């Protein structure tokens, strides 16, 4: 897929099972929305093909019109019709049904999304969260085979975005819907998706569960993009352990680990949850920065030798900047890449 002569999405292959909620995640400009628009039928495919169920909907030289794909779309700006009342917005895509059935179906979906009683309201009278629910009801009312959502919660404040993402995920699972979401927000993706695809520069770097993306990143980009952590230099020992300046790492290794040869310099990914606060440990580090997160505090600490790492500590352990604290390394999943 390209705009003019500029490729935007290239060599992307993914498959979703019926009833799956999936997410395309990546930085701005990586091709997420272009891929979604290609699935919806708004952009042509130059190579390869797109199928929904058993039906081919796009290939080189062929594009089934969007209205014939049985795909529902929820846009970032909601795209409600300001001159139509709420129930008329939801009923808009049900033109093949009789008037009474359209009203019944639209009322049912408004009840499903928790907006009963607002049928006669105008869109401008609703909050952002309510408008998003109307957009969701409108997309689901025709009972599409696939629901596509383009940054659907980005216009909401953080607290509402998190709670609505969970509610929408629960709703879609209860209805057995198949959905594909585009976002740049990792928390949103983790809250709603069964499978997540990491896109970078138009290529799919990994298509996996949130757990595997965090603990088993396929490459350095995914390791850097997902979650928090730092890369530290290490060396592969003869027994397979990784030697760092302040100790050694043993644990379950990633799939690429057997390719690492003894004596080879590598870089090891350490997550905040790999560094455990332990006052009894002989290994200590200096507190450089702290970020209070309610139940936890994210500390940036400096080890002897100068390495800086992150550690996530329960917030009742409140340490001052410059204080030395005891730590130990507990990395159950060891992620290492050949040194650059």
C-alpha atoms as a PDB file:
ATOM      1  CA  UNK A   1       0.000   0.000   0.000  1.00  0.00           C
ATOM      2  CA  UNK A   2       1.350   3.402  -0.956  1.00  0.00           C
ATOM      3  CA  UNK A   3       0.501   7.063  -1.369  1.00  0.00           C
ATOM      4  CA  UNK A   4       1.713   7.938  -4.860  1.00  0.00           C
ATOM      5  CA  UNK A   5       5.209   6.471  -5.161  1.00  0.00           C
ATOM      6  CA  UNK A   6       5.801   6.419  -1.387  1.00  0.00           C
ATOM      7  CA  UNK A   7       5.286   2.943   0.176  1.00  0.00           C
ATOM      8  CA  UNK A   8       3.403   3.156   3.480  1.00  0.00           C
ATOM      9  CA  UNK A   9       2.645  -0.471   4.353  1.00  0.00           C
ATOM     10  CA  UNK A  10       4.834  -3.260   2.996  1.00  0.00           C
ATOM     11  CA  UNK A  11       4.980  -7.037   3.519  1.00  0.00           C
ATOM     12  CA  UNK A  12       2.421  -7.155   6.346  1.00  0.00           C
ATOM     13  CA  UNK A  13       0.830 -10.533   7.015  1.00  0.00           C
ATOM     14  CA  UNK A  14      -1.606 -11.173   9.850  1.00  0.00           C
ATOM     15  CA  UNK A  15      -4.604 -13.362  10.579  1.00  0.00           C
ATOM     16  CA  UNK A  16      -7.427 -12.931  13.092  1.00  0.00           C
ATOM     17  CA  UNK A  17      -9.754 -15.625  14.360  1.00  0.00           C
ATOM     18  CA  UNK A  18     -13.466 -14.925  14.593  1.00  0.00           C
ATOM     19  CA  UNK A  19     -14.239 -13.330  17.958  1.00  0.00           C
ATOM     20  CA  UNK A  20     -10.713 -11.966  18.359  1.00  0.00           C
ATOM     21  CA  UNK A  21     -10.073  -8.393  19.477  1.00  0.00           C
ATOM     22  CA  UNK A  22      -6.786  -7.225  17.986  1.00  0.00           C
ATOM     23  CA  UNK A  23      -4.829  -4.007  17.927  1.00  0.00           C
ATOM     24  CA  UNK A  24      -2.320  -2.331  15.627  1.00  0.00           C
ATOM     25  CA  UNK A  25       0.137  -0.432  17.800  1.00  0.00           C
ATOM     26  CA  UNK A  26       3.036   1.767  16.802  1.00  0.00           C
ATOM     27  CA  UNK A  27       4.415   5.297  16.650  1.00  0.00           C
ATOM     28  CA  UNK A  28       2.832   8.040  14.556  1.00  0.00           C
ATOM     29  CA  UNK A  29       3.393   7.581  10.825  1.00  0.00           C
ATOM     30  CA  UNK A  30       4.102   3.842  10.996  1.00  0.00           C
ATOM     31  CA  UNK A  31       1.187   2.872   8.700  1.00  0.00           C
ATOM     32  CA  UNK A  32      -1.461   1.766  11.234  1.00  0.00           C
ATOM     33  CA  UNK A  33      -4.325   3.857   9.910  1.00  0.00           C
ATOM     34  CA  UNK A  34      -3.380   3.185   6.280  1.00  0.00           C
ATOM     35  CA  UNK A  35      -3.576  -0.559   6.934  1.00  0.00           C
ATOM     36  CA  UNK A  36      -6.949  -0.129   8.646  1.00  0.00           C
ATOM     37  CA  UNK A  37      -8.231   1.939   5.719  1.00  0.00           C
ATOM     38  CA  UNK A  38      -7.023  -0.772   3.348  1.00  0.00           C
ATOM     39  CA  UNK A  39      -9.045  -3.387   5.230  1.00  0.00           C
ATOM     40  CA  UNK A  40     -12.073  -1.083   5.213  1.00  0.00           C
ATOM     41  CA  UNK A  41     -11.743  -0.613   1.452  1.00  0.00           C
ATOM     42  CA  UNK A  42     -10.757   3.053   1.417  1.00  0.00           C
ATOM     43  CA  UNK A  43      -7.214   2.397   0.108  1.00  0.00           C
ATOM     44  CA  UNK A  44      -6.114   0.056  -2.726  1.00  0.00           C
ATOM     45  CA  UNK A  45      -3.774  -2.910  -2.344  1.00  0.00           C
ATOM     46  CA  UNK A  46      -0.806  -2.905  -4.731  1.00  0.00           C
ATOM     47  CA  UNK A  47       0.419  -6.402  -3.830  1.00  0.00           C
ATOM     48  CA  UNK A  48      -1.010  -9.294  -1.848  1.00  0.00           C
ATOM     49  CA  UNK A  49      -4.643  -9.586  -0.789  1.00  0.00           C
ATOM     50  CA  UNK A  50      -7.134  -9.019   2.021  1.00  0.00           C
ATOM     51  CA  UNK A  51      -9.876 -11.499   2.882  1.00  0.00           C
ATOM     52  CA  UNK A  52     -12.681 -11.216   5.420  1.00  0.00           C
ATOM     53  CA  UNK A  53     -13.949 -14.643   6.311  1.00  0.00           C
ATOM     54  CA  UNK A  54     -13.818 -16.703   3.143  1.00  0.00           C
ATOM     55  CA  UNK A  55     -14.373 -13.699   0.884  1.00  0.00           C
ATOM     56  CA  UNK A  56     -11.616 -11.860  -1.004  1.00  0.00           C
ATOM     57  CA  UNK A  57     -12.188  -8.125  -0.612  1.00  0.00           C
ATOM     58  CA  UNK A  58      -8.939  -6.603  -1.942  1.00  0.00           C
ATOM     59  CA  UNK A  59      -6.075  -7.596  -4.207  1.00  0.00           C
ATOM     60  CA  UNK A  60      -3.944  -5.966  -6.889  1.00  0.00           C
ATOM     61  CA  UNK A  61      -6.423  -4.475  -9.364  1.00  0.00           C
ATOM     62  CA  UNK A  62      -9.520  -5.456  -7.351  1.00  0.00           C
ATOM     63  CA  UNK A  63     -11.284  -3.651  -4.529  1.00  0.00           C
ATOM     64  CA  UNK A  64     -14.729  -4.558  -3.193  1.00  0.00           C
ATOM     65  CA  UNK A  65     -16.545  -1.316  -2.260  1.00  0.00           C
ATOM     66  CA  UNK A  66     -16.517  -0.520   1.495  1.00  0.00           C
ATOM     67  CA  UNK A  67     -20.323  -0.745   1.755  1.00  0.00           C
ATOM     68  CA  UNK A  68     -20.262  -4.347   0.488  1.00  0.00           C
ATOM     69  CA  UNK A  69     -17.641  -5.640   2.955  1.00  0.00           C
ATOM     70  CA  UNK A  70     -19.862  -5.954   6.047  1.00  0.00           C
ATOM     71  CA  UNK A  71     -17.316  -3.920   8.000  1.00  0.00           C
ATOM     72  CA  UNK A  72     -18.212  -1.457  10.757  1.00  0.00           C
ATOM     73  CA  UNK A  73     -16.038   1.612  11.316  1.00  0.00           C
ATOM     74  CA  UNK A  74     -15.574   3.773  14.425  1.00  0.00           C
ATOM     75  CA  UNK A  75     -13.612   6.935  13.674  1.00  0.00           C
ATOM     76  CA  UNK A  76     -11.341   8.995  15.901  1.00  0.00           C
ATOM     77  CA  UNK A  77     -13.651  12.028  15.749  1.00  0.00           C
ATOM     78  CA  UNK A  78     -16.831   9.887  16.184  1.00  0.00           C
ATOM     79  CA  UNK A  79     -18.247  11.272  12.854  1.00  0.00           C
ATOM     80  CA  UNK A  80     -21.797  11.524  14.200  1.00  0.00           C
ATOM     81  CA  UNK A  81     -24.344  13.366  12.083  1.00  0.00           C
ATOM     82  CA  UNK A  82     -25.080  16.613  13.978  1.00  0.00           C
ATOM     83  CA  UNK A  83     -28.506  17.051  12.328  1.00  0.00           C
ATOM     84  CA  UNK A  84     -29.712  13.577  13.422  1.00  0.00           C
ATOM     85  CA  UNK A  85     -30.797  12.569  16.897  1.00  0.00           C
ATOM     86  CA  UNK A  86     -28.982   9.788  18.720  1.00  0.00           C
ATOM     87  CA  UNK A  87     -31.355   6.998  17.689  1.00  0.00           C
ATOM     88  CA  UNK A  88     -31.327   8.248  14.083  1.00  0.00           C
ATOM     89  CA  UNK A  89     -27.524   8.150  14.062  1.00  0.00           C
ATOM     90  CA  UNK A  90     -27.541   4.538  15.249  1.00  0.00           C
ATOM     91  CA  UNK A  91     -30.233   3.561  12.739  1.00  0.00           C
ATOM     92  CA  UNK A  92     -28.468   5.249   9.825  1.00  0.00           C
ATOM     93  CA  UNK A  93     -26.803   2.067   8.497  1.00  0.00           C
ATOM     94  CA  UNK A  94     -29.988  -0.038   8.754  1.00  0.00           C
ATOM     95  CA  UNK A  95     -31.629   1.265   5.577  1.00  0.00           C
ATOM     96  CA  UNK A  96     -32.443  -2.262   4.330  1.00  0.00           C
ATOM     97  CA  UNK A  97     -34.799  -2.823   7.293  1.00  0.00           C
ATOM     98  CA  UNK A  98     -38.334  -1.580   7.759  1.00  0.00           C
ATOM     99  CA  UNK A  99     -38.951   1.526   9.869  1.00  0.00           C
ATOM    100  CA  UNK A 100     -40.166  -0.311  12.972  1.00  0.00           C
ATOM    101  CA  UNK A 101     -37.319  -2.850  12.846  1.00  0.00           C
ATOM    102  CA  UNK A 102     -34.773  -0.042  12.402  1.00  0.00           C
ATOM    103  CA  UNK A 103     -36.081   1.691  15.522  1.00  0.00           C
ATOM    104  CA  UNK A 104     -36.139  -1.565  17.487  1.00  0.00           C
ATOM    105  CA  UNK A 105     -32.583  -2.509  16.446  1.00  0.00           C
ATOM    106  CA  UNK A 106     -31.208   0.972  17.164  1.00  0.00           C
ATOM    107  CA  UNK A 107     -32.904   1.056  20.575  1.00  0.00           C
ATOM    108  CA  UNK A 108     -31.476  -2.363  21.404  1.00  0.00           C
ATOM    109  CA  UNK A 109     -27.898  -1.260  20.661  1.00  0.00           C
ATOM    110  CA  UNK A 110     -28.312   1.963  22.614  1.00  0.00           C
ATOM    111  CA  UNK A 111     -29.353  -0.179  25.564  1.00  0.00           C
ATOM    112  CA  UNK A 112     -26.334  -2.452  25.015  1.00  0.00           C
ATOM    113  CA  UNK A 113     -23.905   0.500  25.190  1.00  0.00           C
ATOM    114  CA  UNK A 114     -25.679   1.976  28.228  1.00  0.00           C
ATOM    115  CA  UNK A 115     -27.431   4.945  26.607  1.00  0.00           C
ATOM    116  CA  UNK A 116     -31.095   4.083  27.124  1.00  0.00           C
ATOM    117  CA  UNK A 117     -33.107   7.265  27.673  1.00  0.00           C
ATOM    118  CA  UNK A 118     -30.959   9.370  25.330  1.00  0.00           C
ATOM    119  CA  UNK A 119     -32.619   8.297  22.093  1.00  0.00           C
ATOM    120  CA  UNK A 120     -34.001  11.774  21.346  1.00  0.00           C
ATOM    121  CA  UNK A 121     -30.859  13.705  22.348  1.00  0.00           C
ATOM    122  CA  UNK A 122     -28.721  15.578  19.842  1.00  0.00           C
ATOM    123  CA  UNK A 123     -25.011  14.650  19.521  1.00  0.00           C
ATOM    124  CA  UNK A 124     -23.863  18.066  20.824  1.00  0.00           C
ATOM    125  CA  UNK A 125     -25.783  17.429  24.048  1.00  0.00           C
ATOM    126  CA  UNK A 126     -23.662  14.386  24.875  1.00  0.00           C
ATOM    127  CA  UNK A 127     -20.279  14.066  26.564  1.00  0.00           C
ATOM    128  CA  UNK A 128     -17.294  12.730  24.626  1.00  0.00           C
ATOM    129  CA  UNK A 129     -17.682   9.298  26.182  1.00  0.00           C
ATOM    130  CA  UNK A 130     -21.389   9.207  25.307  1.00  0.00           C
ATOM    131  CA  UNK A 131     -20.691  10.269  21.721  1.00  0.00           C
ATOM    132  CA  UNK A 132     -18.161   7.454  21.424  1.00  0.00           C
ATOM    133  CA  UNK A 133     -20.760   4.968  22.659  1.00  0.00           C
ATOM    134  CA  UNK A 134     -23.205   6.214  20.027  1.00  0.00           C
ATOM    135  CA  UNK A 135     -20.535   5.755  17.346  1.00  0.00           C
ATOM    136  CA  UNK A 136     -19.898   2.227  18.623  1.00  0.00           C
ATOM    137  CA  UNK A 137     -23.621   1.375  18.643  1.00  0.00           C
ATOM    138  CA  UNK A 138     -23.965   2.730  15.087  1.00  0.00           C
ATOM    139  CA  UNK A 139     -21.067   0.567  13.878  1.00  0.00           C
ATOM    140  CA  UNK A 140     -22.367  -2.575  15.609  1.00  0.00           C
ATOM    141  CA  UNK A 141     -26.059  -2.190  14.709  1.00  0.00           C
ATOM    142  CA  UNK A 142     -25.703  -3.714  11.186  1.00  0.00           C
ATOM    143  CA  UNK A 143     -23.930  -6.698  12.857  1.00  0.00           C
ATOM    144  CA  UNK A 144     -20.751  -6.482  10.743  1.00  0.00           C
ATOM    145  CA  UNK A 145     -18.351  -9.357  10.296  1.00  0.00           C
ATOM    146  CA  UNK A 146     -15.490  -7.087  11.369  1.00  0.00           C
ATOM    147  CA  UNK A 147     -15.417  -3.914  13.452  1.00  0.00           C
ATOM    148  CA  UNK A 148     -12.597  -1.434  12.755  1.00  0.00           C
ATOM    149  CA  UNK A 149     -11.733   1.316  15.258  1.00  0.00           C
ATOM    150  CA  UNK A 150      -9.300   4.133  14.446  1.00  0.00           C
ATOM    151  CA  UNK A 151      -7.904   5.728  17.640  1.00  0.00           C
ATOM    152  CA  UNK A 152     -11.438   5.565  19.129  1.00  0.00           C
ATOM    153  CA  UNK A 153     -10.556   6.842  22.623  1.00  0.00           C
ATOM    154  CA  UNK A 154      -7.847   9.397  21.852  1.00  0.00           C
ATOM    155  CA  UNK A 155     -10.136  12.425  22.315  1.00  0.00           C
ATOM    156  CA  UNK A 156     -11.071  11.408  25.870  1.00  0.00           C
ATOM    157  CA  UNK A 157      -9.259  12.188  29.101  1.00  0.00           C
ATOM    158  CA  UNK A 158      -6.967   9.490  30.490  1.00  0.00           C
ATOM    159  CA  UNK A 159      -9.260   8.112  33.199  1.00  0.00           C
ATOM    160  CA  UNK A 160     -12.301   7.910  30.914  1.00  0.00           C
ATOM    161  CA  UNK A 161     -10.181   6.447  28.111  1.00  0.00           C
ATOM    162  CA  UNK A 162      -8.965   3.582  30.311  1.00  0.00           C
ATOM    163  CA  UNK A 163     -12.399   2.755  31.731  1.00  0.00           C
ATOM    164  CA  UNK A 164     -14.178   2.989  28.365  1.00  0.00           C
ATOM    165  CA  UNK A 165     -11.548   0.795  26.688  1.00  0.00           C
ATOM    166  CA  UNK A 166     -12.185  -1.913  29.293  1.00  0.00           C
ATOM    167  CA  UNK A 167     -15.961  -1.570  28.924  1.00  0.00           C
ATOM    168  CA  UNK A 168     -15.789  -1.741  25.130  1.00  0.00           C
ATOM    169  CA  UNK A 169     -13.531  -4.798  25.319  1.00  0.00           C
ATOM    170  CA  UNK A 170     -15.976  -6.551  27.656  1.00  0.00           C
ATOM    171  CA  UNK A 171     -18.914  -5.611  25.437  1.00  0.00           C
ATOM    172  CA  UNK A 172     -17.270  -6.893  22.250  1.00  0.00           C
ATOM    173  CA  UNK A 173     -16.351 -10.191  23.927  1.00  0.00           C
ATOM    174  CA  UNK A 174     -19.891 -10.633  25.270  1.00  0.00           C
ATOM    175  CA  UNK A 175     -21.270 -10.130  21.758  1.00  0.00           C
ATOM    176  CA  UNK A 176     -18.625 -12.378  20.159  1.00  0.00           C
ATOM    177  CA  UNK A 177     -17.550  -9.528  17.870  1.00  0.00           C
ATOM    178  CA  UNK A 178     -14.354  -9.520  15.818  1.00  0.00           C
ATOM    179  CA  UNK A 179     -12.588  -6.176  16.052  1.00  0.00           C
ATOM    180  CA  UNK A 180      -9.362  -4.494  15.003  1.00  0.00           C
ATOM    181  CA  UNK A 181      -8.274  -1.334  16.820  1.00  0.00           C
ATOM    182  CA  UNK A 182      -5.606   1.215  15.899  1.00  0.00           C
ATOM    183  CA  UNK A 183      -3.851   3.113  18.680  1.00  0.00           C
ATOM    184  CA  UNK A 184      -0.499   4.526  19.750  1.00  0.00           C
ATOM    185  CA  UNK A 185      -1.383   4.031  23.448  1.00  0.00           C
ATOM    186  CA  UNK A 186       0.125   0.866  24.926  1.00  0.00           C
ATOM    187  CA  UNK A 187      -2.141   0.848  27.975  1.00  0.00           C
ATOM    188  CA  UNK A 188      -5.180   1.043  25.710  1.00  0.00           C
ATOM    189  CA  UNK A 189      -3.918  -1.853  23.599  1.00  0.00           C
ATOM    190  CA  UNK A 190      -3.120  -3.981  26.658  1.00  0.00           C
ATOM    191  CA  UNK A 191      -6.547  -3.239  28.187  1.00  0.00           C
ATOM    192  CA  UNK A 192      -8.614  -4.329  25.201  1.00  0.00           C
ATOM    193  CA  UNK A 193      -6.685  -6.608  22.821  1.00  0.00           C
ATOM    194  CA  UNK A 194      -6.178 -10.362  22.622  1.00  0.00           C
ATOM    195  CA  UNK A 195      -3.520  -9.928  19.935  1.00  0.00           C
ATOM    196  CA  UNK A 196      -1.339  -6.902  19.214  1.00  0.00           C
ATOM    197  CA  UNK A 197       0.631  -6.099  16.078  1.00  0.00           C
ATOM    198  CA  UNK A 198       3.635  -3.799  16.408  1.00  0.00           C
ATOM    199  CA  UNK A 199       4.107  -1.708  13.266  1.00  0.00           C
ATOM    200  CA  UNK A 200       7.235   0.252  12.464  1.00  0.00           C
ATOM    201  CA  UNK A 201       8.009   2.010   9.173  1.00  0.00           C
ATOM    202  CA  UNK A 202       5.188   0.127   7.460  1.00  0.00           C
ATOM    203  CA  UNK A 203       6.315  -3.340   8.530  1.00  0.00           C
ATOM    204  CA  UNK A 204       4.809  -5.693  11.081  1.00  0.00           C
ATOM    205  CA  UNK A 205       7.563  -6.392  13.610  1.00  0.00           C
ATOM    206  CA  UNK A 206       5.593  -8.770  15.855  1.00  0.00           C
ATOM    207  CA  UNK A 207       2.008 -10.106  16.032  1.00  0.00           C
ATOM    208  CA  UNK A 208       1.526 -11.556  19.497  1.00  0.00           C
ATOM    209  CA  UNK A 209      -0.060 -11.360  22.931  1.00  0.00           C
ATOM    210  CA  UNK A 210       0.739  -8.462  25.260  1.00  0.00           C
ATOM    211  CA  UNK A 211       2.602 -10.872  27.568  1.00  0.00           C
ATOM    212  CA  UNK A 212       4.882 -12.109  24.803  1.00  0.00           C
ATOM    213  CA  UNK A 213       5.525  -8.624  23.437  1.00  0.00           C
ATOM    214  CA  UNK A 214       6.711  -7.517  26.879  1.00  0.00           C
ATOM    215  CA  UNK A 215       8.656 -10.625  27.896  1.00  0.00           C
ATOM    216  CA  UNK A 216       9.647 -12.077  24.483  1.00  0.00           C
ATOM    217  CA  UNK A 217      10.157  -9.131  22.080  1.00  0.00           C
ATOM    218  CA  UNK A 218      11.042 -10.333  18.587  1.00  0.00           C
ATOM    219  CA  UNK A 219      13.609  -7.620  17.929  1.00  0.00           C
ATOM    220  CA  UNK A 220      15.281  -4.596  19.419  1.00  0.00           C
ATOM    221  CA  UNK A 221      12.604  -2.171  18.202  1.00  0.00           C
ATOM    222  CA  UNK A 222       9.822  -4.088  19.966  1.00  0.00           C
ATOM    223  CA  UNK A 223      11.982  -4.357  23.093  1.00  0.00           C
ATOM    224  CA  UNK A 224      12.509  -0.584  23.095  1.00  0.00           C
ATOM    225  CA  UNK A 225       8.933   0.311  22.162  1.00  0.00           C
ATOM    226  CA  UNK A 226       6.980  -1.875  24.575  1.00  0.00           C
ATOM    227  CA  UNK A 227       7.087  -1.009  28.259  1.00  0.00           C
ATOM    228  CA  UNK A 228      10.077   0.540  29.976  1.00  0.00           C
ATOM    229  CA  UNK A 229      13.602  -0.717  30.429  1.00  0.00           C
ATOM    230  CA  UNK A 230      17.262  -0.190  29.642  1.00  0.00           C
ATOM    231  CA  UNK A 231      19.837  -2.053  27.569  1.00  0.00           C
ATOM    232  CA  UNK A 232      23.072  -2.923  29.393  1.00  0.00           C
ATOM    233  CA  UNK A 233      26.274  -4.459  27.990  1.00  0.00           C
ATOM    234  CA  UNK A 234      27.011  -8.074  28.921  1.00  0.00           C
ATOM    235  CA  UNK A 235      28.998 -11.062  27.721  1.00  0.00           C
ATOM    236  CA  UNK A 236      27.912 -14.635  27.095  1.00  0.00           C
ATOM    237  CA  UNK A 237      29.710 -17.121  29.340  1.00  0.00           C
ATOM    238  CA  UNK A 238      30.560 -20.719  28.488  1.00  0.00           C
ATOM    239  CA  UNK A 239      27.748 -22.013  30.721  1.00  0.00           C
ATOM    240  CA  UNK A 240      25.214 -19.782  28.936  1.00  0.00           C
ATOM    241  CA  UNK A 241      24.849 -17.227  31.713  1.00  0.00           C
ATOM    242  CA  UNK A 242      25.218 -13.553  30.894  1.00  0.00           C
ATOM    243  CA  UNK A 243      27.882 -11.653  32.802  1.00  0.00           C
ATOM    244  CA  UNK A 244      27.205  -7.989  33.589  1.00  0.00           C
ATOM    245  CA  UNK A 245      29.417  -5.522  35.432  1.00  0.00           C
ATOM    246  CA  UNK A 246      27.452  -6.064  38.637  1.00  0.00           C
ATOM    247  CA  UNK A 247      26.600  -9.782  38.456  1.00  0.00           C
ATOM    248  CA  UNK A 248      25.194 -12.489  36.222  1.00  0.00           C
ATOM    249  CA  UNK A 249      21.822 -13.331  34.718  1.00  0.00           C
ATOM    250  CA  UNK A 250      20.294 -16.764  34.433  1.00  0.00           C
ATOM    251  CA  UNK A 251      16.758 -17.591  33.449  1.00  0.00           C
ATOM    252  CA  UNK A 252      14.494 -18.570  30.582  1.00  0.00           C
ATOM    253  CA  UNK A 253      16.026 -17.329  27.342  1.00  0.00           C
ATOM    254  CA  UNK A 254      14.329 -15.944  24.261  1.00  0.00           C
ATOM    255  CA  UNK A 255      14.186 -17.833  20.980  1.00  0.00           C
ATOM    256  CA  UNK A 256      17.125 -15.937  19.519  1.00  0.00           C
ATOM    257  CA  UNK A 257      19.320 -16.771  22.525  1.00  0.00           C
ATOM    258  CA  UNK A 258      20.895 -20.000  21.091  1.00  0.00           C
ATOM    259  CA  UNK A 259      22.459 -17.874  18.331  1.00  0.00           C
ATOM    260  CA  UNK A 260      24.491 -16.014  20.955  1.00  0.00           C
ATOM    261  CA  UNK A 261      27.979 -17.523  21.189  1.00  0.00           C
ATOM    262  CA  UNK A 262      30.160 -17.772  24.329  1.00  0.00           C
ATOM    263  CA  UNK A 263      32.412 -14.749  24.612  1.00  0.00           C
ATOM    264  CA  UNK A 264      30.155 -12.651  22.363  1.00  0.00           C
ATOM    265  CA  UNK A 265      29.313  -9.132  23.570  1.00  0.00           C
ATOM    266  CA  UNK A 266      25.565  -8.609  23.884  1.00  0.00           C
ATOM    267  CA  UNK A 267      23.082  -6.077  25.221  1.00  0.00           C
ATOM    268  CA  UNK A 268      20.602  -7.259  27.841  1.00  0.00           C
ATOM    269  CA  UNK A 269      17.153  -5.761  28.381  1.00  0.00           C
ATOM    270  CA  UNK A 270      16.354  -5.100  32.039  1.00  0.00           C
ATOM    271  CA  UNK A 271      12.787  -4.116  32.890  1.00  0.00           C
ATOM    272  CA  UNK A 272      11.805  -2.274  36.086  1.00  0.00           C
ATOM    273  CA  UNK A 273      10.254  -5.493  37.415  1.00  0.00           C
ATOM    274  CA  UNK A 274      13.589  -7.321  36.917  1.00  0.00           C
ATOM    275  CA  UNK A 275      15.202  -5.143  39.612  1.00  0.00           C
ATOM    276  CA  UNK A 276      13.840  -5.996  43.075  1.00  0.00           C
ATOM    277  CA  UNK A 277      14.188  -3.694  46.077  1.00  0.00           C
ATOM    278  CA  UNK A 278      15.859  -5.692  48.884  1.00  0.00           C
ATOM    279  CA  UNK A 279      17.364  -3.957  51.916  1.00  0.00           C
ATOM    280  CA  UNK A 280      19.220  -7.150  52.834  1.00  0.00           C
ATOM    281  CA  UNK A 281      21.054  -7.375  49.501  1.00  0.00           C
ATOM    282  CA  UNK A 282      24.783  -6.578  49.390  1.00  0.00           C
ATOM    283  CA  UNK A 283      24.243  -5.006  45.948  1.00  0.00           C
ATOM    284  CA  UNK A 284      23.278  -1.347  46.337  1.00  0.00           C
ATOM    285  CA  UNK A 285      22.534   1.561  44.043  1.00  0.00           C
ATOM    286  CA  UNK A 286      22.015   5.304  44.330  1.00  0.00           C
ATOM    287  CA  UNK A 287      18.587   6.836  43.762  1.00  0.00           C
ATOM    288  CA  UNK A 288      18.812   9.383  40.913  1.00  0.00           C
ATOM    289  CA  UNK A 289      15.155  10.095  40.140  1.00  0.00           C
ATOM    290  CA  UNK A 290      11.730   8.993  41.356  1.00  0.00           C
ATOM    291  CA  UNK A 291       8.278   9.063  39.767  1.00  0.00           C
ATOM    292  CA  UNK A 292       5.353   8.532  42.142  1.00  0.00           C
ATOM    293  CA  UNK A 293       2.631   6.386  40.543  1.00  0.00           C
ATOM    294  CA  UNK A 294       0.223   5.874  43.403  1.00  0.00           C
ATOM    295  CA  UNK A 295       0.665   2.257  44.456  1.00  0.00           C
ATOM    296  CA  UNK A 296       4.238   2.225  43.142  1.00  0.00           C
ATOM    297  CA  UNK A 297       7.265   4.448  42.684  1.00  0.00           C
ATOM    298  CA  UNK A 298       9.452   4.134  39.593  1.00  0.00           C
ATOM    299  CA  UNK A 299      13.042   4.782  40.668  1.00  0.00           C
ATOM    300  CA  UNK A 300      15.953   5.499  38.361  1.00  0.00           C
ATOM    301  CA  UNK A 301      19.028   4.178  40.160  1.00  0.00           C
ATOM    302  CA  UNK A 302      22.768   4.141  39.427  1.00  0.00           C
ATOM    303  CA  UNK A 303      24.852   1.061  40.144  1.00  0.00           C
ATOM    304  CA  UNK A 304      28.529   1.050  41.030  1.00  0.00           C
ATOM    305  CA  UNK A 305      30.306   1.362  37.700  1.00  0.00           C
ATOM    306  CA  UNK A 306      27.800   3.897  36.368  1.00  0.00           C
ATOM    307  CA  UNK A 307      25.016   1.715  34.887  1.00  0.00           C
ATOM    308  CA  UNK A 308      21.569   3.282  35.294  1.00  0.00           C
ATOM    309  CA  UNK A 309      18.496   1.047  35.566  1.00  0.00           C
ATOM    310  CA  UNK A 310      14.836   1.342  36.583  1.00  0.00           C
ATOM    311  CA  UNK A 311      13.109  -0.387  39.478  1.00  0.00           C
ATOM    312  CA  UNK A 312       9.422  -0.430  40.397  1.00  0.00           C
ATOM    313  CA  UNK A 313       8.923  -0.405  44.163  1.00  0.00           C
ATOM    314  CA  UNK A 314       5.751  -0.385  46.336  1.00  0.00           C
ATOM    315  CA  UNK A 315       5.136   3.246  47.243  1.00  0.00           C
ATOM    316  CA  UNK A 316       5.418   2.769  51.012  1.00  0.00           C
ATOM    317  CA  UNK A 317       9.175   2.410  50.341  1.00  0.00           C
ATOM    318  CA  UNK A 318       9.767   6.144  49.915  1.00  0.00           C
ATOM    319  CA  UNK A 319      13.480   6.827  49.394  1.00  0.00           C
ATOM    320  CA  UNK A 320      15.155  10.187  48.919  1.00  0.00           C
ATOM    321  CA  UNK A 321      17.197  11.292  45.931  1.00  0.00           C
ATOM    322  CA  UNK A 322      20.836  10.411  46.632  1.00  0.00           C
ATOM    323  CA  UNK A 323      19.968   7.605  49.048  1.00  0.00           C
ATOM    324  CA  UNK A 324      21.492   4.161  48.503  1.00  0.00           C
ATOM    325  CA  UNK A 325      19.110   1.207  48.463  1.00  0.00           C
ATOM    326  CA  UNK A 326      19.665  -2.516  48.320  1.00  0.00           C
ATOM    327  CA  UNK A 327      18.604  -4.340  45.145  1.00  0.00           C
ATOM    328  CA  UNK A 328      18.805  -7.760  43.546  1.00  0.00           C
ATOM    329  CA  UNK A 329      18.317  -8.923  39.977  1.00  0.00           C
ATOM    330  CA  UNK A 330      15.416 -11.309  39.347  1.00  0.00           C
ATOM    331  CA  UNK A 331      14.960 -11.633  35.586  1.00  0.00           C
ATOM    332  CA  UNK A 332      12.853 -14.714  34.822  1.00  0.00           C
ATOM    333  CA  UNK A 333      12.892 -13.827  31.124  1.00  0.00           C
ATOM    334  CA  UNK A 334      16.313 -12.976  29.758  1.00  0.00           C
ATOM    335  CA  UNK A 335      16.217 -10.866  26.593  1.00  0.00           C
ATOM    336  CA  UNK A 336      19.545 -10.213  24.894  1.00  0.00           C
ATOM    337  CA  UNK A 337      20.612  -8.989  21.459  1.00  0.00           C
ATOM    338  CA  UNK A 338      24.061  -8.953  19.818  1.00  0.00           C
ATOM    339  CA  UNK A 339      25.852  -5.741  20.699  1.00  0.00           C
ATOM    340  CA  UNK A 340      25.613  -3.002  18.093  1.00  0.00           C
END
